[in-house]
Protein backbone atom coordinates (compact mmCIF):
# COMPACT_ATOMS: atom_id res chain seq x y z
CA MET A 1 38.29 -38.58 9.33
CA ILE A 2 40.97 -37.59 6.84
CA SER A 3 40.06 -40.48 4.54
CA ASP A 4 36.35 -39.61 4.72
CA ALA A 5 37.11 -35.99 3.76
CA LEU A 6 39.29 -37.03 0.86
CA ILE A 7 36.76 -39.58 -0.50
CA ARG A 8 33.89 -37.11 -0.28
CA ASP A 9 35.98 -34.52 -2.12
CA LEU A 10 35.79 -32.02 0.75
CA CYS A 11 39.51 -31.34 0.37
CA THR A 12 42.69 -32.74 -1.11
CA VAL A 13 45.96 -33.93 0.44
CA ASN A 14 47.67 -30.81 -0.86
CA GLU A 15 45.07 -28.58 0.76
CA ILE A 16 45.55 -30.29 4.07
CA ASP A 17 49.29 -30.00 3.69
CA CYS A 18 49.00 -26.22 3.02
CA VAL A 19 46.85 -25.67 6.07
CA LEU A 20 49.11 -27.76 8.23
CA GLY A 21 52.05 -25.69 6.91
CA GLU A 22 50.29 -22.49 7.92
CA ILE A 23 49.06 -23.50 11.36
CA GLY A 24 51.55 -26.29 12.36
CA SER A 25 54.25 -24.99 14.54
CA ARG A 26 56.00 -25.75 17.80
CA GLY A 27 53.63 -25.53 20.67
CA ARG A 28 50.52 -25.71 18.44
CA ALA A 29 48.42 -28.44 20.08
CA ARG A 30 48.04 -31.71 18.18
CA THR A 31 49.47 -30.46 14.81
CA SER A 32 52.51 -32.79 15.28
CA ILE A 33 50.11 -35.78 15.15
CA LEU A 34 48.81 -34.76 11.69
CA ARG A 35 52.21 -34.79 9.82
CA PRO A 36 52.66 -38.62 9.99
CA LEU A 37 48.98 -39.11 9.04
CA LEU A 38 49.44 -36.80 6.11
CA VAL A 39 52.51 -38.66 4.92
CA GLU A 40 50.42 -41.84 4.98
CA PHE A 41 47.86 -40.21 2.72
CA LEU A 42 50.20 -38.78 0.19
CA GLY A 43 48.99 -39.91 -3.23
CA SER A 44 45.67 -40.97 -1.84
CA ASP A 45 43.81 -38.04 -3.43
CA ARG A 46 43.36 -40.23 -6.51
CA VAL A 47 41.65 -43.03 -4.53
CA GLU A 48 37.98 -43.02 -5.31
CA SER A 49 36.20 -45.21 -2.68
CA GLU A 50 36.40 -46.35 0.87
CA LEU A 51 37.38 -49.83 -0.34
CA GLU A 52 40.20 -48.41 -2.48
CA MET A 53 41.38 -46.32 0.53
CA ARG A 54 41.53 -49.51 2.61
CA THR A 55 43.57 -51.16 -0.08
CA PHE A 56 45.81 -48.09 -0.32
CA HIS A 57 46.48 -48.33 3.44
CA TRP A 58 47.10 -52.06 3.23
CA LEU A 59 49.71 -51.60 0.47
CA ASN A 60 51.53 -48.79 2.26
CA ARG A 61 51.51 -50.40 5.68
CA ASN A 62 53.00 -53.51 4.19
CA GLY A 63 55.77 -51.69 2.27
CA ILE A 64 54.34 -52.48 -1.14
CA ARG A 65 55.37 -49.56 -3.39
CA GLY A 66 55.82 -48.82 -7.09
CA TYR A 67 52.13 -48.88 -8.08
CA VAL A 68 50.42 -46.36 -10.17
CA LEU A 69 46.93 -45.12 -9.13
CA GLN A 70 44.12 -45.10 -11.68
CA HIS A 71 46.33 -46.45 -14.50
CA GLY A 72 44.82 -46.56 -17.99
CA VAL A 73 45.19 -49.81 -20.01
CA PHE A 74 44.35 -49.26 -23.65
CA VAL A 75 42.42 -52.18 -25.25
CA PRO A 76 42.74 -51.75 -29.00
CA ARG A 77 39.81 -53.91 -29.93
CA LYS A 78 37.55 -51.88 -27.58
CA LYS A 79 39.21 -48.64 -28.75
CA ARG A 80 39.41 -47.25 -25.29
CA PRO A 81 41.36 -47.35 -22.09
CA TYR A 82 40.23 -49.07 -18.91
CA ARG A 83 41.44 -47.84 -15.62
CA LEU A 84 42.97 -50.02 -13.00
CA ASP A 85 42.72 -48.71 -9.45
CA PHE A 86 46.32 -49.90 -8.63
CA ALA A 87 48.71 -51.04 -11.25
CA TRP A 88 52.35 -52.14 -11.70
CA PRO A 89 52.42 -51.45 -15.47
CA GLY A 90 55.95 -52.94 -16.00
CA LEU A 91 54.75 -56.19 -14.45
CA LYS A 92 51.22 -56.06 -15.93
CA ILE A 93 49.71 -56.64 -12.49
CA GLY A 94 46.67 -54.75 -11.29
CA VAL A 95 44.52 -54.59 -8.20
CA GLU A 96 40.84 -53.72 -8.56
CA PRO A 97 39.03 -53.58 -5.22
CA GLU A 98 35.42 -54.63 -5.79
CA GLY A 99 32.53 -53.54 -3.64
CA TYR A 100 29.20 -55.28 -4.32
CA ARG A 101 27.26 -51.99 -4.56
CA VAL A 102 29.39 -50.55 -7.30
CA HIS A 103 30.40 -53.70 -9.20
CA ALA A 104 27.41 -55.95 -8.87
CA GLY A 105 24.59 -53.65 -7.72
CA SER A 106 22.87 -53.91 -11.13
CA ARG A 107 22.99 -56.34 -14.05
CA ASP A 108 24.67 -53.70 -16.28
CA ALA A 109 27.37 -53.00 -13.62
CA PHE A 110 27.99 -56.74 -13.22
CA ASP A 111 28.16 -57.39 -16.95
CA ASN A 112 30.28 -54.31 -17.74
CA GLY A 113 32.71 -55.13 -14.86
CA HIS A 114 33.29 -58.64 -16.17
CA ALA A 115 33.67 -57.44 -19.80
CA ARG A 116 36.18 -54.87 -18.62
CA ARG A 117 38.10 -57.42 -16.60
CA ASN A 118 38.20 -59.88 -19.48
CA ALA A 119 39.43 -57.17 -21.86
CA VAL A 120 42.30 -56.22 -19.55
CA VAL A 121 43.16 -59.92 -18.91
CA SER A 122 43.23 -60.47 -22.65
CA MET A 123 46.01 -57.81 -22.79
CA GLY A 124 48.19 -60.01 -20.58
CA TRP A 125 47.40 -58.39 -17.25
CA ARG A 126 46.95 -60.37 -13.99
CA LEU A 127 44.41 -58.95 -11.56
CA LEU A 128 43.53 -59.34 -7.94
CA HIS A 129 40.10 -58.20 -6.73
CA PRO A 130 39.93 -57.68 -2.97
CA THR A 131 36.42 -57.16 -1.46
CA TRP A 132 35.18 -55.98 1.87
CA TYR A 133 35.49 -59.62 3.04
CA THR A 134 39.09 -60.12 1.93
CA GLN A 135 41.56 -60.59 4.82
CA GLN A 136 44.52 -58.31 4.71
CA GLY A 137 47.14 -61.03 5.35
CA GLU A 138 45.78 -63.24 2.62
CA PHE A 139 45.62 -60.40 0.12
CA ILE A 140 49.07 -59.12 0.85
CA SER A 141 50.58 -62.63 0.61
CA GLU A 142 48.92 -63.24 -2.75
CA LEU A 143 50.01 -59.89 -4.08
CA LYS A 144 53.61 -60.23 -2.91
CA ALA A 145 53.75 -63.72 -4.48
CA LEU A 146 52.32 -62.31 -7.78
CA LEU A 147 54.74 -59.39 -7.82
CA ALA A 148 57.71 -61.64 -7.07
CA GLU A 149 56.73 -64.15 -9.76
CA ALA A 150 56.34 -61.40 -12.42
CA ALA A 151 59.58 -59.68 -11.38
CA ALA A 152 61.48 -63.02 -11.57
CA TRP A 153 60.05 -63.76 -15.00
CA ILE A 154 61.11 -60.37 -16.36
CA THR A 155 64.61 -60.89 -14.89
CA ASP A 156 64.86 -64.29 -16.55
CA VAL A 157 63.90 -63.06 -20.04
């Protein structure tokens, strides 16, 4: 319910936190349950879709930290930045969850998505693209391996 309200822009995490601060007290029924849920959602107010929210939860539940939400990657030859949903800028690793409706629902969306991906990859970024059919364990394993490989390479340089 919280994620649905955040995605639909009905409220922000900060607004929920303020209300919880006002009404949450000892003896107030069920407010103690909200605090851990709110902590889980901190930062999620920049998540823009249900699939991104699912990815956000997967990262946090598996202890993967250090990412930047909606990180801009400037592509000089395109003279514009492209946003990555989740990025580790120092490692040049990004995660772009891709739902069919948004990324392939039309020919333009499909072509623009691939052009954007190619432009970001040409800047040296490595990307993972989980979909609704991606299994959590498989995605987390691939991401952890990618992050470890990139961190080891930077350490060796």
